[in-house]
């Protein structure tokens, strides 16, 4: 991409999209299209088709999605399936119909089987059953990446699909009813400390392992791969290491100097027992994550403390 090409970031207000926006602007890309969901409903095919025919972007980063933690996934699987399929189908087809130069589709590590060898290689996709607690979201993302591949095969459509590890960072969603584990823990410990609560309750038993990728690192990978990766085959983006949820909770507890106890609610699901991505493919291309986990958590906590009055998203 040259610095003056027209770029559309779908989902620029979210954790990933906002990080991509910051990265592109920092690198001097100055012709960026950004629309909120109120301005452009990506679930509406006619609206999306009109947008592409009028604006005619040259490159598209598809980071718009309905996302959330275990609880929200279990509560609203139909919405996760419907909204994500609508968004993906409309944007991918709109890109193809309007001859964009390249699309970057963002998937998720949850596309991989619940039980699979670690670290998870790209070829492990669809080799066993998915984790039931986020199956609807995972299936929608599998459909999206497959759609990109089929459009590439049938039409020569230029699309790449990234599968990032669990994400966290600046501008995350801190609505405890809907968010992922890191923002949920940060908010729970801060709320407990401020209210004088003697304990914090966490989901499951703390034994699952997760790999966490800072959102600005993902944005860096997105720009790198948009300029340097040209295959329809999926590619993992991660840090190459993982941590237990128990250790994660202890880390956040210590950083916030919370003196109370952690109670593990084993009536709540653990989710996938282990998840760490194999990142050999992207490392061989010349990219690796740069943010130390400890630094990333500190940045995220500090951002939330400065912005917590606005944390709750719909």
C-alpha atoms as a PDB file:
ATOM      1  CA  UNK A   1       0.000   0.000   0.000  1.00  0.00           C
ATOM      2  CA  UNK A   2       1.234   3.466  -0.742  1.00  0.00           C
ATOM      3  CA  UNK A   3       0.639   6.240   1.778  1.00  0.00           C
ATOM      4  CA  UNK A   4      -2.116   7.913  -0.269  1.00  0.00           C
ATOM      5  CA  UNK A   5      -4.233   4.861  -1.117  1.00  0.00           C
ATOM      6  CA  UNK A   6      -7.814   4.809   0.167  1.00  0.00           C
ATOM      7  CA  UNK A   7      -8.132   2.432   3.123  1.00  0.00           C
ATOM      8  CA  UNK A   8     -11.308   1.372   4.898  1.00  0.00           C
ATOM      9  CA  UNK A   9     -11.092   0.100   8.497  1.00  0.00           C
ATOM     10  CA  UNK A  10     -14.294  -1.780   9.332  1.00  0.00           C
ATOM     11  CA  UNK A  11     -14.760  -1.612  13.096  1.00  0.00           C
ATOM     12  CA  UNK A  12     -12.401   1.285  13.804  1.00  0.00           C
ATOM     13  CA  UNK A  13     -13.938   1.989  17.216  1.00  0.00           C
ATOM     14  CA  UNK A  14     -13.173  -1.442  18.681  1.00  0.00           C
ATOM     15  CA  UNK A  15     -10.066  -2.828  20.342  1.00  0.00           C
ATOM     16  CA  UNK A  16      -8.491  -4.083  17.111  1.00  0.00           C
ATOM     17  CA  UNK A  17      -9.814  -1.506  14.673  1.00  0.00           C
ATOM     18  CA  UNK A  18      -8.711   1.428  16.821  1.00  0.00           C
ATOM     19  CA  UNK A  19      -5.224  -0.083  17.102  1.00  0.00           C
ATOM     20  CA  UNK A  20      -5.048  -0.494  13.309  1.00  0.00           C
ATOM     21  CA  UNK A  21      -6.194   3.100  12.894  1.00  0.00           C
ATOM     22  CA  UNK A  22      -3.492   4.384  15.263  1.00  0.00           C
ATOM     23  CA  UNK A  23      -0.828   2.315  13.500  1.00  0.00           C
ATOM     24  CA  UNK A  24      -1.748   3.452   9.993  1.00  0.00           C
ATOM     25  CA  UNK A  25      -1.891   7.112  10.976  1.00  0.00           C
ATOM     26  CA  UNK A  26       1.414   6.837  12.810  1.00  0.00           C
ATOM     27  CA  UNK A  27       2.996   5.383   9.664  1.00  0.00           C
ATOM     28  CA  UNK A  28       1.709   8.237   7.499  1.00  0.00           C
ATOM     29  CA  UNK A  29      -1.319   6.692   5.798  1.00  0.00           C
ATOM     30  CA  UNK A  30      -3.572   9.690   5.362  1.00  0.00           C
ATOM     31  CA  UNK A  31      -6.588   8.545   3.333  1.00  0.00           C
ATOM     32  CA  UNK A  32      -8.521   6.397   5.802  1.00  0.00           C
ATOM     33  CA  UNK A  33     -12.274   5.762   5.790  1.00  0.00           C
ATOM     34  CA  UNK A  34     -13.840   5.274   9.234  1.00  0.00           C
ATOM     35  CA  UNK A  35     -17.564   4.911   9.890  1.00  0.00           C
ATOM     36  CA  UNK A  36     -19.337   4.010  13.125  1.00  0.00           C
ATOM     37  CA  UNK A  37     -21.966   1.252  13.174  1.00  0.00           C
ATOM     38  CA  UNK A  38     -24.645   3.964  13.407  1.00  0.00           C
ATOM     39  CA  UNK A  39     -23.314   5.560  10.229  1.00  0.00           C
ATOM     40  CA  UNK A  40     -22.776   2.297   8.351  1.00  0.00           C
ATOM     41  CA  UNK A  41     -24.601  -0.871   9.434  1.00  0.00           C
ATOM     42  CA  UNK A  42     -22.449  -3.657   8.024  1.00  0.00           C
ATOM     43  CA  UNK A  43     -25.255  -6.167   8.612  1.00  0.00           C
ATOM     44  CA  UNK A  44     -27.315  -4.434   5.909  1.00  0.00           C
ATOM     45  CA  UNK A  45     -26.363  -5.667   2.448  1.00  0.00           C
ATOM     46  CA  UNK A  46     -27.837  -2.716   0.524  1.00  0.00           C
ATOM     47  CA  UNK A  47     -26.112  -0.200   2.785  1.00  0.00           C
ATOM     48  CA  UNK A  48     -22.771  -1.965   2.423  1.00  0.00           C
ATOM     49  CA  UNK A  49     -23.086  -2.254  -1.355  1.00  0.00           C
ATOM     50  CA  UNK A  50     -23.875   1.453  -1.628  1.00  0.00           C
ATOM     51  CA  UNK A  51     -20.886   2.314   0.553  1.00  0.00           C
ATOM     52  CA  UNK A  52     -18.446   0.364  -1.627  1.00  0.00           C
ATOM     53  CA  UNK A  53     -19.860   1.658  -4.896  1.00  0.00           C
ATOM     54  CA  UNK A  54     -19.595   5.278  -3.713  1.00  0.00           C
ATOM     55  CA  UNK A  55     -16.402   5.314  -1.642  1.00  0.00           C
ATOM     56  CA  UNK A  56     -14.446   2.681  -3.619  1.00  0.00           C
ATOM     57  CA  UNK A  57     -11.717   1.903  -1.078  1.00  0.00           C
ATOM     58  CA  UNK A  58      -8.595   0.218  -2.391  1.00  0.00           C
ATOM     59  CA  UNK A  59      -7.705  -1.763   0.747  1.00  0.00           C
ATOM     60  CA  UNK A  60      -9.933  -3.039   3.560  1.00  0.00           C
ATOM     61  CA  UNK A  61      -9.157  -4.178   7.109  1.00  0.00           C
ATOM     62  CA  UNK A  62     -12.155  -6.197   8.305  1.00  0.00           C
ATOM     63  CA  UNK A  63     -11.969  -5.983  12.097  1.00  0.00           C
ATOM     64  CA  UNK A  64     -15.683  -5.347  12.703  1.00  0.00           C
ATOM     65  CA  UNK A  65     -17.304  -8.189  14.639  1.00  0.00           C
ATOM     66  CA  UNK A  66     -19.610  -9.054  17.496  1.00  0.00           C
ATOM     67  CA  UNK A  67     -17.216 -10.259  20.201  1.00  0.00           C
ATOM     68  CA  UNK A  68     -17.349 -11.108  23.891  1.00  0.00           C
ATOM     69  CA  UNK A  69     -16.322 -13.439  26.677  1.00  0.00           C
ATOM     70  CA  UNK A  70     -17.608 -16.878  27.649  1.00  0.00           C
ATOM     71  CA  UNK A  71     -20.702 -15.623  29.440  1.00  0.00           C
ATOM     72  CA  UNK A  72     -21.980 -13.488  26.591  1.00  0.00           C
ATOM     73  CA  UNK A  73     -21.144 -16.173  24.008  1.00  0.00           C
ATOM     74  CA  UNK A  74     -23.249 -18.665  25.947  1.00  0.00           C
ATOM     75  CA  UNK A  75     -26.104 -16.212  26.436  1.00  0.00           C
ATOM     76  CA  UNK A  76     -26.376 -14.947  22.838  1.00  0.00           C
ATOM     77  CA  UNK A  77     -25.100 -17.599  20.378  1.00  0.00           C
ATOM     78  CA  UNK A  78     -27.719 -16.759  17.761  1.00  0.00           C
ATOM     79  CA  UNK A  79     -26.669 -13.105  17.746  1.00  0.00           C
ATOM     80  CA  UNK A  80     -22.991 -14.026  17.524  1.00  0.00           C
ATOM     81  CA  UNK A  81     -23.697 -16.269  14.556  1.00  0.00           C
ATOM     82  CA  UNK A  82     -26.106 -13.976  12.710  1.00  0.00           C
ATOM     83  CA  UNK A  83     -24.347 -10.636  13.183  1.00  0.00           C
ATOM     84  CA  UNK A  84     -20.897 -11.936  12.303  1.00  0.00           C
ATOM     85  CA  UNK A  85     -22.083 -13.848   9.244  1.00  0.00           C
ATOM     86  CA  UNK A  86     -23.961 -10.796   7.986  1.00  0.00           C
ATOM     87  CA  UNK A  87     -20.991  -8.484   8.510  1.00  0.00           C
ATOM     88  CA  UNK A  88     -18.525 -10.851   6.857  1.00  0.00           C
ATOM     89  CA  UNK A  89     -20.718 -11.826   3.909  1.00  0.00           C
ATOM     90  CA  UNK A  90     -21.576  -8.231   3.078  1.00  0.00           C
ATOM     91  CA  UNK A  91     -18.056  -6.834   3.391  1.00  0.00           C
ATOM     92  CA  UNK A  92     -16.241  -9.700   1.648  1.00  0.00           C
ATOM     93  CA  UNK A  93     -18.685  -9.766  -1.244  1.00  0.00           C
ATOM     94  CA  UNK A  94     -18.728  -5.969  -1.412  1.00  0.00           C
ATOM     95  CA  UNK A  95     -14.943  -5.929  -1.666  1.00  0.00           C
ATOM     96  CA  UNK A  96     -14.995  -8.481  -4.481  1.00  0.00           C
ATOM     97  CA  UNK A  97     -17.802  -6.814  -6.411  1.00  0.00           C
ATOM     98  CA  UNK A  98     -16.050  -3.444  -6.259  1.00  0.00           C
ATOM     99  CA  UNK A  99     -12.585  -4.678  -7.192  1.00  0.00           C
ATOM    100  CA  UNK A 100     -10.689  -3.688  -4.084  1.00  0.00           C
ATOM    101  CA  UNK A 101      -6.993  -4.450  -4.285  1.00  0.00           C
ATOM    102  CA  UNK A 102      -6.750  -6.445  -1.040  1.00  0.00           C
ATOM    103  CA  UNK A 103      -8.811  -7.475   1.970  1.00  0.00           C
ATOM    104  CA  UNK A 104      -7.462  -8.426   5.389  1.00  0.00           C
ATOM    105  CA  UNK A 105      -9.916 -10.592   7.345  1.00  0.00           C
ATOM    106  CA  UNK A 106      -9.453 -10.982  11.084  1.00  0.00           C
ATOM    107  CA  UNK A 107     -10.479 -14.297  12.594  1.00  0.00           C
ATOM    108  CA  UNK A 108      -9.727 -15.719  16.030  1.00  0.00           C
ATOM    109  CA  UNK A 109      -7.735 -18.446  17.753  1.00  0.00           C
ATOM    110  CA  UNK A 110     -11.039 -19.968  18.888  1.00  0.00           C
ATOM    111  CA  UNK A 111     -11.515 -21.400  15.381  1.00  0.00           C
ATOM    112  CA  UNK A 112      -9.232 -24.264  16.405  1.00  0.00           C
ATOM    113  CA  UNK A 113     -10.425 -27.459  18.120  1.00  0.00           C
ATOM    114  CA  UNK A 114     -11.005 -27.558  21.859  1.00  0.00           C
ATOM    115  CA  UNK A 115      -8.534 -30.429  22.231  1.00  0.00           C
ATOM    116  CA  UNK A 116      -5.571 -30.217  19.882  1.00  0.00           C
ATOM    117  CA  UNK A 117      -1.746 -30.467  20.016  1.00  0.00           C
ATOM    118  CA  UNK A 118       0.070 -27.388  21.327  1.00  0.00           C
ATOM    119  CA  UNK A 119       1.230 -25.007  19.998  1.00  0.00           C
ATOM    120  CA  UNK A 120      -1.601 -24.908  17.461  1.00  0.00           C
ATOM    121  CA  UNK A 121      -0.543 -24.987  13.823  1.00  0.00           C
ATOM    122  CA  UNK A 122      -2.682 -23.530  11.052  1.00  0.00           C
ATOM    123  CA  UNK A 123      -3.301 -26.982   9.582  1.00  0.00           C
ATOM    124  CA  UNK A 124      -5.100 -28.116  12.764  1.00  0.00           C
ATOM    125  CA  UNK A 125      -8.198 -26.199  11.676  1.00  0.00           C
ATOM    126  CA  UNK A 126     -11.335 -28.402  11.570  1.00  0.00           C
ATOM    127  CA  UNK A 127      -9.550 -31.544  12.743  1.00  0.00           C
ATOM    128  CA  UNK A 128     -11.727 -31.994  15.877  1.00  0.00           C
ATOM    129  CA  UNK A 129     -14.676 -30.503  17.775  1.00  0.00           C
ATOM    130  CA  UNK A 130     -14.828 -26.854  18.790  1.00  0.00           C
ATOM    131  CA  UNK A 131     -15.137 -25.522  22.340  1.00  0.00           C
ATOM    132  CA  UNK A 132     -18.935 -25.420  22.963  1.00  0.00           C
ATOM    133  CA  UNK A 133     -18.933 -22.162  24.954  1.00  0.00           C
ATOM    134  CA  UNK A 134     -17.886 -20.085  21.926  1.00  0.00           C
ATOM    135  CA  UNK A 135     -18.899 -22.397  19.095  1.00  0.00           C
ATOM    136  CA  UNK A 136     -21.215 -19.891  17.372  1.00  0.00           C
ATOM    137  CA  UNK A 137     -18.502 -17.237  17.162  1.00  0.00           C
ATOM    138  CA  UNK A 138     -15.873 -19.757  16.067  1.00  0.00           C
ATOM    139  CA  UNK A 139     -18.118 -21.151  13.333  1.00  0.00           C
ATOM    140  CA  UNK A 140     -18.836 -17.682  11.990  1.00  0.00           C
ATOM    141  CA  UNK A 141     -15.110 -16.953  11.777  1.00  0.00           C
ATOM    142  CA  UNK A 142     -14.438 -20.272  10.049  1.00  0.00           C
ATOM    143  CA  UNK A 143     -17.100 -19.393   7.484  1.00  0.00           C
ATOM    144  CA  UNK A 144     -15.450 -15.992   6.965  1.00  0.00           C
ATOM    145  CA  UNK A 145     -11.972 -17.353   6.339  1.00  0.00           C
ATOM    146  CA  UNK A 146     -13.366 -20.075   4.081  1.00  0.00           C
ATOM    147  CA  UNK A 147     -15.342 -17.478   2.157  1.00  0.00           C
ATOM    148  CA  UNK A 148     -12.122 -15.552   1.542  1.00  0.00           C
ATOM    149  CA  UNK A 149     -10.434 -18.736   0.337  1.00  0.00           C
ATOM    150  CA  UNK A 150     -13.310 -19.721  -1.944  1.00  0.00           C
ATOM    151  CA  UNK A 151     -13.472 -16.236  -3.465  1.00  0.00           C
ATOM    152  CA  UNK A 152      -9.727 -16.426  -4.051  1.00  0.00           C
ATOM    153  CA  UNK A 153     -10.066 -19.842  -5.681  1.00  0.00           C
ATOM    154  CA  UNK A 154     -13.063 -19.043  -7.883  1.00  0.00           C
ATOM    155  CA  UNK A 155     -12.528 -15.365  -8.648  1.00  0.00           C
ATOM    156  CA  UNK A 156      -8.848 -14.694  -7.967  1.00  0.00           C
ATOM    157  CA  UNK A 157      -9.914 -12.396  -5.108  1.00  0.00           C
ATOM    158  CA  UNK A 158      -6.971 -11.013  -3.107  1.00  0.00           C
ATOM    159  CA  UNK A 159      -7.694 -11.704   0.566  1.00  0.00           C
ATOM    160  CA  UNK A 160      -5.633 -12.781   3.559  1.00  0.00           C
ATOM    161  CA  UNK A 161      -6.936 -14.182   6.856  1.00  0.00           C
ATOM    162  CA  UNK A 162      -5.229 -13.659  10.226  1.00  0.00           C
ATOM    163  CA  UNK A 163      -5.933 -15.744  13.323  1.00  0.00           C
ATOM    164  CA  UNK A 164      -4.781 -13.778  16.390  1.00  0.00           C
ATOM    165  CA  UNK A 165      -4.285 -15.064  19.925  1.00  0.00           C
ATOM    166  CA  UNK A 166      -6.444 -13.712  22.774  1.00  0.00           C
ATOM    167  CA  UNK A 167      -6.295  -9.938  22.564  1.00  0.00           C
ATOM    168  CA  UNK A 168      -6.081  -7.161  25.137  1.00  0.00           C
ATOM    169  CA  UNK A 169      -4.983  -3.552  25.274  1.00  0.00           C
ATOM    170  CA  UNK A 170      -5.970   0.091  24.973  1.00  0.00           C
ATOM    171  CA  UNK A 171      -9.642   0.717  24.170  1.00  0.00           C
ATOM    172  CA  UNK A 172     -10.763  -2.751  25.236  1.00  0.00           C
ATOM    173  CA  UNK A 173     -14.344  -3.416  26.364  1.00  0.00           C
ATOM    174  CA  UNK A 174     -14.611  -3.364  30.169  1.00  0.00           C
ATOM    175  CA  UNK A 175     -18.273  -4.291  30.444  1.00  0.00           C
ATOM    176  CA  UNK A 176     -17.933  -7.291  32.792  1.00  0.00           C
ATOM    177  CA  UNK A 177     -21.101  -8.934  31.458  1.00  0.00           C
ATOM    178  CA  UNK A 178     -19.685  -9.048  27.939  1.00  0.00           C
ATOM    179  CA  UNK A 179     -15.925  -8.602  27.913  1.00  0.00           C
ATOM    180  CA  UNK A 180     -12.967 -10.980  27.717  1.00  0.00           C
ATOM    181  CA  UNK A 181     -10.892 -12.224  30.627  1.00  0.00           C
ATOM    182  CA  UNK A 182      -8.215  -9.511  30.984  1.00  0.00           C
ATOM    183  CA  UNK A 183     -10.533  -6.483  31.033  1.00  0.00           C
ATOM    184  CA  UNK A 184     -12.968  -8.422  33.229  1.00  0.00           C
ATOM    185  CA  UNK A 185     -10.252  -9.156  35.800  1.00  0.00           C
ATOM    186  CA  UNK A 186      -8.879  -5.619  35.730  1.00  0.00           C
ATOM    187  CA  UNK A 187     -12.317  -4.149  36.379  1.00  0.00           C
ATOM    188  CA  UNK A 188     -13.202  -6.706  39.058  1.00  0.00           C
ATOM    189  CA  UNK A 189     -10.022  -6.067  41.055  1.00  0.00           C
ATOM    190  CA  UNK A 190     -10.287  -2.286  40.753  1.00  0.00           C
ATOM    191  CA  UNK A 191     -13.953  -2.303  41.776  1.00  0.00           C
ATOM    192  CA  UNK A 192     -13.220  -4.626  44.712  1.00  0.00           C
ATOM    193  CA  UNK A 193     -10.330  -2.466  45.917  1.00  0.00           C
ATOM    194  CA  UNK A 194     -12.312   0.770  45.654  1.00  0.00           C
ATOM    195  CA  UNK A 195     -15.333  -0.692  47.468  1.00  0.00           C
ATOM    196  CA  UNK A 196     -13.302  -2.387  50.191  1.00  0.00           C
ATOM    197  CA  UNK A 197     -14.406  -5.866  49.121  1.00  0.00           C
ATOM    198  CA  UNK A 198     -12.389  -8.721  50.662  1.00  0.00           C
ATOM    199  CA  UNK A 199     -12.415 -11.040  47.637  1.00  0.00           C
ATOM    200  CA  UNK A 200     -12.843 -11.292  43.870  1.00  0.00           C
ATOM    201  CA  UNK A 201     -14.691 -14.171  42.225  1.00  0.00           C
ATOM    202  CA  UNK A 202     -13.291 -15.577  38.973  1.00  0.00           C
ATOM    203  CA  UNK A 203     -14.754 -18.058  36.461  1.00  0.00           C
ATOM    204  CA  UNK A 204     -13.682 -21.713  36.507  1.00  0.00           C
ATOM    205  CA  UNK A 205     -10.730 -23.159  38.403  1.00  0.00           C
ATOM    206  CA  UNK A 206      -7.898 -21.080  36.916  1.00  0.00           C
ATOM    207  CA  UNK A 207      -6.119 -23.983  35.206  1.00  0.00           C
ATOM    208  CA  UNK A 208      -6.690 -23.157  31.497  1.00  0.00           C
ATOM    209  CA  UNK A 209      -3.775 -21.597  29.642  1.00  0.00           C
ATOM    210  CA  UNK A 210      -4.072 -18.723  27.190  1.00  0.00           C
ATOM    211  CA  UNK A 211      -1.757 -16.793  24.924  1.00  0.00           C
ATOM    212  CA  UNK A 212      -2.291 -13.025  25.098  1.00  0.00           C
ATOM    213  CA  UNK A 213      -1.413 -10.607  22.291  1.00  0.00           C
ATOM    214  CA  UNK A 214      -1.320  -6.844  22.830  1.00  0.00           C
ATOM    215  CA  UNK A 215      -3.626  -5.076  20.372  1.00  0.00           C
ATOM    216  CA  UNK A 216      -0.948  -2.685  19.103  1.00  0.00           C
ATOM    217  CA  UNK A 217       1.216  -5.681  18.220  1.00  0.00           C
ATOM    218  CA  UNK A 218      -1.675  -7.153  16.226  1.00  0.00           C
ATOM    219  CA  UNK A 219      -2.074  -3.833  14.405  1.00  0.00           C
ATOM    220  CA  UNK A 220       1.625  -3.917  13.544  1.00  0.00           C
ATOM    221  CA  UNK A 221       1.194  -7.468  12.221  1.00  0.00           C
ATOM    222  CA  UNK A 222      -1.836  -6.416  10.166  1.00  0.00           C
ATOM    223  CA  UNK A 223       0.092  -3.693   8.364  1.00  0.00           C
ATOM    224  CA  UNK A 224       3.091  -5.991   7.916  1.00  0.00           C
ATOM    225  CA  UNK A 225       0.998  -8.788   6.423  1.00  0.00           C
ATOM    226  CA  UNK A 226      -1.081  -6.480   4.258  1.00  0.00           C
ATOM    227  CA  UNK A 227       2.188  -5.429   2.627  1.00  0.00           C
ATOM    228  CA  UNK A 228       4.061  -8.737   2.745  1.00  0.00           C
ATOM    229  CA  UNK A 229       1.688 -11.722   2.746  1.00  0.00           C
ATOM    230  CA  UNK A 230      -0.098 -12.852  -0.398  1.00  0.00           C
ATOM    231  CA  UNK A 231      -1.572 -16.284   0.295  1.00  0.00           C
ATOM    232  CA  UNK A 232      -5.228 -17.171   0.978  1.00  0.00           C
ATOM    233  CA  UNK A 233      -4.006 -19.729   3.538  1.00  0.00           C
ATOM    234  CA  UNK A 234      -4.621 -18.630   7.125  1.00  0.00           C
ATOM    235  CA  UNK A 235      -1.767 -17.357   9.260  1.00  0.00           C
ATOM    236  CA  UNK A 236      -1.497 -17.224  13.063  1.00  0.00           C
ATOM    237  CA  UNK A 237      -0.504 -14.079  14.939  1.00  0.00           C
ATOM    238  CA  UNK A 238       0.692 -14.489  18.519  1.00  0.00           C
ATOM    239  CA  UNK A 239       3.576 -14.206  20.941  1.00  0.00           C
ATOM    240  CA  UNK A 240       4.584 -17.858  21.217  1.00  0.00           C
ATOM    241  CA  UNK A 241       3.981 -18.282  24.957  1.00  0.00           C
ATOM    242  CA  UNK A 242       1.030 -18.733  27.296  1.00  0.00           C
ATOM    243  CA  UNK A 243      -0.013 -18.264  30.929  1.00  0.00           C
ATOM    244  CA  UNK A 244      -2.595 -19.913  33.172  1.00  0.00           C
ATOM    245  CA  UNK A 245      -5.699 -17.936  34.043  1.00  0.00           C
ATOM    246  CA  UNK A 246      -4.738 -18.362  37.708  1.00  0.00           C
ATOM    247  CA  UNK A 247      -1.344 -16.725  37.126  1.00  0.00           C
ATOM    248  CA  UNK A 248      -3.021 -14.023  35.063  1.00  0.00           C
ATOM    249  CA  UNK A 249      -5.386 -13.219  37.925  1.00  0.00           C
ATOM    250  CA  UNK A 250      -2.507 -13.131  40.415  1.00  0.00           C
ATOM    251  CA  UNK A 251      -0.531 -10.828  38.113  1.00  0.00           C
ATOM    252  CA  UNK A 252      -3.374  -8.325  37.833  1.00  0.00           C
ATOM    253  CA  UNK A 253      -4.128  -8.598  41.568  1.00  0.00           C
ATOM    254  CA  UNK A 254      -0.498  -7.778  42.439  1.00  0.00           C
ATOM    255  CA  UNK A 255      -0.255  -4.912  39.961  1.00  0.00           C
ATOM    256  CA  UNK A 256      -3.316  -3.325  41.511  1.00  0.00           C
ATOM    257  CA  UNK A 257      -2.089  -4.071  45.055  1.00  0.00           C
ATOM    258  CA  UNK A 258      -5.348  -5.788  45.958  1.00  0.00           C
ATOM    259  CA  UNK A 259      -4.969  -7.459  49.360  1.00  0.00           C
ATOM    260  CA  UNK A 260      -8.081  -9.662  49.296  1.00  0.00           C
ATOM    261  CA  UNK A 261      -8.615 -13.247  48.198  1.00  0.00           C
ATOM    262  CA  UNK A 262      -9.394 -14.817  44.828  1.00  0.00           C
ATOM    263  CA  UNK A 263     -12.311 -17.245  44.862  1.00  0.00           C
ATOM    264  CA  UNK A 264     -12.655 -19.609  41.913  1.00  0.00           C
ATOM    265  CA  UNK A 265     -16.252 -20.347  40.937  1.00  0.00           C
ATOM    266  CA  UNK A 266     -16.021 -23.885  39.562  1.00  0.00           C
ATOM    267  CA  UNK A 267     -19.711 -23.871  38.641  1.00  0.00           C
ATOM    268  CA  UNK A 268     -18.668 -21.621  35.746  1.00  0.00           C
ATOM    269  CA  UNK A 269     -16.998 -23.079  32.621  1.00  0.00           C
ATOM    270  CA  UNK A 270     -13.253 -23.095  32.024  1.00  0.00           C
ATOM    271  CA  UNK A 271     -13.514 -23.023  28.254  1.00  0.00           C
ATOM    272  CA  UNK A 272     -10.742 -24.554  26.139  1.00  0.00           C
ATOM    273  CA  UNK A 273      -8.142 -26.128  28.479  1.00  0.00           C
ATOM    274  CA  UNK A 274      -5.075 -24.949  26.514  1.00  0.00           C
ATOM    275  CA  UNK A 275      -4.583 -22.490  23.689  1.00  0.00           C
ATOM    276  CA  UNK A 276      -1.239 -21.353  22.348  1.00  0.00           C
ATOM    277  CA  UNK A 277      -0.656 -20.656  18.680  1.00  0.00           C
ATOM    278  CA  UNK A 278       2.283 -21.812  16.620  1.00  0.00           C
ATOM    279  CA  UNK A 279       3.780 -18.614  15.170  1.00  0.00           C
ATOM    280  CA  UNK A 280       6.571 -20.132  13.097  1.00  0.00           C
ATOM    281  CA  UNK A 281       4.900 -19.102   9.846  1.00  0.00           C
ATOM    282  CA  UNK A 282       4.698 -15.384  10.613  1.00  0.00           C
ATOM    283  CA  UNK A 283       8.099 -15.375  12.347  1.00  0.00           C
ATOM    284  CA  UNK A 284       9.712 -16.778   9.195  1.00  0.00           C
ATOM    285  CA  UNK A 285       8.227 -13.878   7.235  1.00  0.00           C
ATOM    286  CA  UNK A 286      10.106 -11.497   9.536  1.00  0.00           C
ATOM    287  CA  UNK A 287       7.498 -10.421  12.090  1.00  0.00           C
ATOM    288  CA  UNK A 288       7.356 -11.044  15.835  1.00  0.00           C
ATOM    289  CA  UNK A 289       5.465  -9.422  18.708  1.00  0.00           C
ATOM    290  CA  UNK A 290       7.365  -6.675  20.529  1.00  0.00           C
ATOM    291  CA  UNK A 291       5.279  -5.897  23.622  1.00  0.00           C
ATOM    292  CA  UNK A 292       6.329  -7.598  26.830  1.00  0.00           C
ATOM    293  CA  UNK A 293       3.279  -9.090  28.602  1.00  0.00           C
ATOM    294  CA  UNK A 294       4.029  -7.261  31.860  1.00  0.00           C
ATOM    295  CA  UNK A 295       4.303  -3.942  30.027  1.00  0.00           C
ATOM    296  CA  UNK A 296       1.129  -4.613  28.055  1.00  0.00           C
ATOM    297  CA  UNK A 297      -0.882  -5.325  31.199  1.00  0.00           C
ATOM    298  CA  UNK A 298       0.462  -2.166  32.845  1.00  0.00           C
ATOM    299  CA  UNK A 299      -0.477  -0.046  29.821  1.00  0.00           C
ATOM    300  CA  UNK A 300      -3.951  -1.563  29.745  1.00  0.00           C
ATOM    301  CA  UNK A 301      -4.543  -0.973  33.455  1.00  0.00           C
ATOM    302  CA  UNK A 302      -3.333   2.615  33.216  1.00  0.00           C
ATOM    303  CA  UNK A 303      -5.544   3.290  30.212  1.00  0.00           C
ATOM    304  CA  UNK A 304      -8.587   1.916  32.011  1.00  0.00           C
ATOM    305  CA  UNK A 305      -7.897   3.957  35.153  1.00  0.00           C
ATOM    306  CA  UNK A 306      -7.768   7.093  33.006  1.00  0.00           C
ATOM    307  CA  UNK A 307     -10.917   6.215  31.027  1.00  0.00           C
ATOM    308  CA  UNK A 308     -13.035   4.059  33.326  1.00  0.00           C
ATOM    309  CA  UNK A 309     -16.012   6.410  33.385  1.00  0.00           C
ATOM    310  CA  UNK A 310     -16.522   5.450  29.724  1.00  0.00           C
ATOM    311  CA  UNK A 311     -15.681   1.744  30.010  1.00  0.00           C
ATOM    312  CA  UNK A 312     -19.160   0.272  29.446  1.00  0.00           C
ATOM    313  CA  UNK A 313     -20.027  -0.519  25.825  1.00  0.00           C
ATOM    314  CA  UNK A 314     -23.228  -1.951  24.458  1.00  0.00           C
END
